[in-house]
Structures are given as structure tokens and as C-alpha cells.
Amino acid sequence: MVEPLPGLVKDDALRPVYNRKVKPYDERTINASNERALELKLAGEQEDGWEPLKHNLRSIRLKKNKPIDRQLEDDLVPVI
């Protein structure tokens, strides 16, 4: 049997990789135990260029546009 190439994504691992590559921005989530701590974390992340995407009770999902070189690679290199 032929071994797959190292680093190749297949089967169930393909969907999360595709979902990351298809979006024009990176996502990340910050968590905190109380609202004050969450707001402090959000202020720090906004200084680094992150924008709030979705507010939840104890977390906030953030987004930041991908660098143009990585976006171009994600657009041109197929996942499949």
C-alpha cells in the first residue's frame, strides 16, 4: 500500500482546514471569568488590530484580516 504524502490533509480533517482557508480573515476567541476582565482583554486585542465578530456571555470571537500573501496562497492553493 502506498503511504500518503506527509502533511497531506484527508478525510475528517479536511473540513476545518477548508473553513479556515475560505474566510478572508483569521478568527480567535478570548475568554474571561467576568465582564471587566473580558473588556480588558478586548481592549488589548483591539490594539493589535483584532475586531469583535460575535459577543457571547463569557467570550468574544474576534477577527483580523489575513495578510495579503497568505490570503493569495489560500485562494490559489486548493485544499483537495
N, C-alpha and C. Protein backbone atom coordinates (compact mmCIF):
# COMPACT_ATOMS: atom_id res chain seq x y z
N MET A 1 0.84 -1.18 0.00
CA MET A 1 0.00 0.00 0.00
C MET A 1 0.89 1.25 0.00
N VAL A 2 0.47 2.26 -0.73
CA VAL A 2 1.23 3.49 -0.85
C VAL A 2 0.89 4.41 0.32
N GLU A 3 1.91 4.92 0.99
CA GLU A 3 1.70 5.84 2.11
C GLU A 3 1.40 7.24 1.57
N PRO A 4 0.46 7.96 2.20
CA PRO A 4 0.18 9.33 1.75
C PRO A 4 1.36 10.25 2.03
N LEU A 5 1.42 11.33 1.28
CA LEU A 5 2.49 12.31 1.48
C LEU A 5 2.38 12.94 2.86
N PRO A 6 3.49 13.22 3.52
CA PRO A 6 3.43 13.87 4.84
C PRO A 6 2.84 15.27 4.72
N GLY A 7 2.01 15.64 5.67
CA GLY A 7 1.39 16.97 5.67
C GLY A 7 0.12 17.06 4.86
N LEU A 8 -0.28 15.97 4.21
CA LEU A 8 -1.49 15.96 3.40
C LEU A 8 -2.70 15.82 4.30
N VAL A 9 -3.72 16.60 4.04
CA VAL A 9 -4.94 16.57 4.84
C VAL A 9 -5.96 15.69 4.13
N LYS A 10 -6.62 14.81 4.88
CA LYS A 10 -7.62 13.94 4.26
C LYS A 10 -8.73 13.62 5.24
N ASP A 11 -9.80 13.10 4.73
CA ASP A 11 -10.96 12.63 5.48
C ASP A 11 -11.57 13.72 6.36
N ASP A 12 -11.76 13.42 7.64
CA ASP A 12 -12.46 14.33 8.55
C ASP A 12 -11.68 15.59 8.88
N ALA A 13 -10.38 15.57 8.69
CA ALA A 13 -9.56 16.75 8.99
C ALA A 13 -9.65 17.81 7.90
N LEU A 14 -10.30 17.49 6.78
CA LEU A 14 -10.37 18.40 5.66
C LEU A 14 -11.30 19.59 5.91
N ARG A 15 -12.42 19.37 6.57
CA ARG A 15 -13.42 20.44 6.76
C ARG A 15 -12.88 21.64 7.55
N PRO A 16 -12.20 21.45 8.71
CA PRO A 16 -11.69 22.63 9.42
C PRO A 16 -10.63 23.40 8.62
N VAL A 17 -9.82 22.68 7.86
CA VAL A 17 -8.80 23.35 7.05
C VAL A 17 -9.48 24.18 5.96
N TYR A 18 -10.48 23.60 5.32
CA TYR A 18 -11.22 24.33 4.28
C TYR A 18 -11.88 25.57 4.87
N ASN A 19 -12.52 25.43 6.03
CA ASN A 19 -13.21 26.57 6.65
C ASN A 19 -12.24 27.70 7.00
N ARG A 20 -11.02 27.37 7.40
CA ARG A 20 -10.02 28.41 7.69
C ARG A 20 -9.55 29.11 6.42
N LYS A 21 -9.37 28.33 5.35
CA LYS A 21 -8.83 28.90 4.12
C LYS A 21 -9.84 29.73 3.34
N VAL A 22 -11.12 29.40 3.44
CA VAL A 22 -12.13 30.08 2.63
C VAL A 22 -12.46 31.48 3.17
N LYS A 23 -12.24 31.73 4.45
CA LYS A 23 -12.54 33.03 5.04
C LYS A 23 -11.42 34.02 4.77
N PRO A 24 -11.75 35.29 4.49
CA PRO A 24 -10.71 36.31 4.23
C PRO A 24 -10.10 36.87 5.51
N TYR A 25 -10.44 36.30 6.65
CA TYR A 25 -9.91 36.79 7.92
C TYR A 25 -9.60 35.61 8.84
N ASP A 26 -8.75 35.87 9.83
CA ASP A 26 -8.45 34.90 10.88
C ASP A 26 -9.44 35.12 12.02
N GLU A 27 -9.76 34.05 12.72
CA GLU A 27 -10.65 34.15 13.88
C GLU A 27 -9.92 33.66 15.11
N ARG A 28 -10.32 34.23 16.24
CA ARG A 28 -9.78 33.78 17.52
C ARG A 28 -10.80 34.15 18.59
N THR A 29 -10.81 33.41 19.68
CA THR A 29 -11.76 33.63 20.77
C THR A 29 -11.00 33.97 22.04
N ILE A 30 -11.50 34.98 22.75
CA ILE A 30 -10.95 35.31 24.06
C ILE A 30 -12.02 34.99 25.10
N ASN A 31 -11.59 34.45 26.24
CA ASN A 31 -12.48 34.07 27.33
C ASN A 31 -12.07 34.77 28.61
N ALA A 32 -13.03 34.99 29.48
CA ALA A 32 -12.74 35.56 30.79
C ALA A 32 -13.84 35.16 31.76
N SER A 33 -13.52 35.20 33.03
CA SER A 33 -14.49 34.78 34.05
C SER A 33 -15.50 35.87 34.38
N ASN A 34 -15.12 37.14 34.14
CA ASN A 34 -16.09 38.21 34.40
C ASN A 34 -16.03 39.25 33.27
N GLU A 35 -17.03 40.11 33.26
CA GLU A 35 -17.17 41.06 32.16
C GLU A 35 -16.03 42.08 32.12
N ARG A 36 -15.56 42.52 33.26
CA ARG A 36 -14.47 43.51 33.32
C ARG A 36 -13.18 42.94 32.72
N ALA A 37 -12.85 41.73 33.09
CA ALA A 37 -11.65 41.08 32.54
C ALA A 37 -11.77 40.88 31.03
N LEU A 38 -12.97 40.55 30.58
CA LEU A 38 -13.20 40.36 29.15
C LEU A 38 -13.02 41.66 28.39
N GLU A 39 -13.50 42.76 28.95
CA GLU A 39 -13.34 44.07 28.30
C GLU A 39 -11.87 44.49 28.25
N LEU A 40 -11.11 44.19 29.30
CA LEU A 40 -9.68 44.50 29.30
C LEU A 40 -8.93 43.70 28.24
N LYS A 41 -9.26 42.42 28.12
CA LYS A 41 -8.65 41.59 27.08
C LYS A 41 -9.02 42.10 25.69
N LEU A 42 -10.28 42.49 25.51
CA LEU A 42 -10.74 43.00 24.22
C LEU A 42 -9.99 44.28 23.85
N ALA A 43 -9.78 45.16 24.80
CA ALA A 43 -9.05 46.41 24.52
C ALA A 43 -7.63 46.11 24.07
N GLY A 44 -6.98 45.14 24.71
CA GLY A 44 -5.63 44.77 24.31
C GLY A 44 -5.58 44.18 22.91
N GLU A 45 -6.56 43.34 22.60
CA GLU A 45 -6.59 42.71 21.27
C GLU A 45 -6.91 43.74 20.18
N GLN A 46 -7.75 44.71 20.50
CA GLN A 46 -8.09 45.74 19.51
C GLN A 46 -6.88 46.59 19.17
N GLU A 47 -5.97 46.77 20.11
CA GLU A 47 -4.74 47.50 19.84
C GLU A 47 -3.86 46.74 18.84
N ASP A 48 -4.00 45.41 18.80
CA ASP A 48 -3.24 44.58 17.86
C ASP A 48 -3.95 44.41 16.53
N GLY A 49 -5.10 45.07 16.34
CA GLY A 49 -5.80 45.02 15.06
C GLY A 49 -6.97 44.06 14.98
N TRP A 50 -7.31 43.39 16.07
CA TRP A 50 -8.44 42.47 16.09
C TRP A 50 -9.74 43.24 16.28
N GLU A 51 -10.81 42.79 15.62
CA GLU A 51 -12.13 43.41 15.71
C GLU A 51 -13.13 42.39 16.27
N PRO A 52 -14.08 42.84 17.09
CA PRO A 52 -15.09 41.91 17.60
C PRO A 52 -15.97 41.40 16.47
N LEU A 53 -16.23 40.11 16.48
CA LEU A 53 -17.09 39.49 15.48
C LEU A 53 -18.40 39.04 16.11
N LYS A 54 -18.32 38.43 17.29
CA LYS A 54 -19.51 37.95 17.97
C LYS A 54 -19.28 38.00 19.48
N HIS A 55 -20.23 38.58 20.20
CA HIS A 55 -20.17 38.65 21.66
C HIS A 55 -21.01 37.52 22.24
N ASN A 56 -20.43 36.79 23.17
CA ASN A 56 -21.14 35.76 23.92
C ASN A 56 -21.12 36.15 25.39
N LEU A 57 -21.69 35.32 26.24
CA LEU A 57 -21.79 35.64 27.65
C LEU A 57 -20.41 35.79 28.31
N ARG A 58 -19.52 34.84 28.09
CA ARG A 58 -18.19 34.88 28.72
C ARG A 58 -17.04 34.86 27.73
N SER A 59 -17.34 35.10 26.46
CA SER A 59 -16.29 35.10 25.45
C SER A 59 -16.66 36.05 24.31
N ILE A 60 -15.65 36.39 23.55
CA ILE A 60 -15.84 37.23 22.37
C ILE A 60 -15.02 36.61 21.24
N ARG A 61 -15.66 36.41 20.09
CA ARG A 61 -14.94 35.93 18.92
C ARG A 61 -14.44 37.15 18.16
N LEU A 62 -13.16 37.12 17.80
CA LEU A 62 -12.51 38.24 17.13
C LEU A 62 -12.12 37.86 15.71
N LYS A 63 -11.96 38.87 14.86
CA LYS A 63 -11.48 38.63 13.51
C LYS A 63 -10.42 39.66 13.16
N LYS A 64 -9.53 39.24 12.27
CA LYS A 64 -8.47 40.11 11.78
C LYS A 64 -8.19 39.70 10.34
N ASN A 65 -8.12 40.67 9.43
CA ASN A 65 -7.87 40.35 8.04
C ASN A 65 -6.55 39.62 7.88
N LYS A 66 -6.53 38.62 6.99
CA LYS A 66 -5.31 37.87 6.74
C LYS A 66 -4.32 38.76 6.00
N PRO A 67 -3.03 38.53 6.20
CA PRO A 67 -2.04 39.23 5.38
C PRO A 67 -2.26 38.87 3.91
N ILE A 68 -2.00 39.80 3.01
CA ILE A 68 -2.32 39.61 1.60
C ILE A 68 -1.60 38.41 1.00
N ASP A 69 -0.38 38.12 1.43
CA ASP A 69 0.34 36.96 0.86
C ASP A 69 -0.31 35.64 1.27
N ARG A 70 -0.76 35.53 2.52
CA ARG A 70 -1.42 34.30 2.96
C ARG A 70 -2.80 34.17 2.33
N GLN A 71 -3.50 35.30 2.14
CA GLN A 71 -4.81 35.26 1.50
C GLN A 71 -4.67 34.79 0.06
N LEU A 72 -3.65 35.28 -0.64
CA LEU A 72 -3.42 34.87 -2.02
C LEU A 72 -3.12 33.38 -2.07
N GLU A 73 -2.29 32.88 -1.16
CA GLU A 73 -1.98 31.46 -1.12
C GLU A 73 -3.24 30.64 -0.85
N ASP A 74 -4.07 31.08 0.09
CA ASP A 74 -5.30 30.36 0.41
C ASP A 74 -6.26 30.35 -0.77
N ASP A 75 -6.27 31.43 -1.56
CA ASP A 75 -7.15 31.49 -2.72
C ASP A 75 -6.67 30.60 -3.86
N LEU A 76 -5.35 30.48 -4.03
CA LEU A 76 -4.80 29.77 -5.17
C LEU A 76 -4.52 28.28 -4.94
N VAL A 77 -4.15 27.92 -3.73
CA VAL A 77 -3.80 26.53 -3.45
C VAL A 77 -5.05 25.80 -3.01
N PRO A 78 -5.50 24.83 -3.81
CA PRO A 78 -6.72 24.10 -3.42
C PRO A 78 -6.45 23.20 -2.22
N VAL A 79 -7.49 22.96 -1.44
CA VAL A 79 -7.38 22.10 -0.27
C VAL A 79 -7.45 20.65 -0.69
N ILE A 80 -8.22 20.37 -1.70
CA ILE A 80 -8.44 18.98 -2.13
C ILE A 80 -7.32 18.50 -3.01
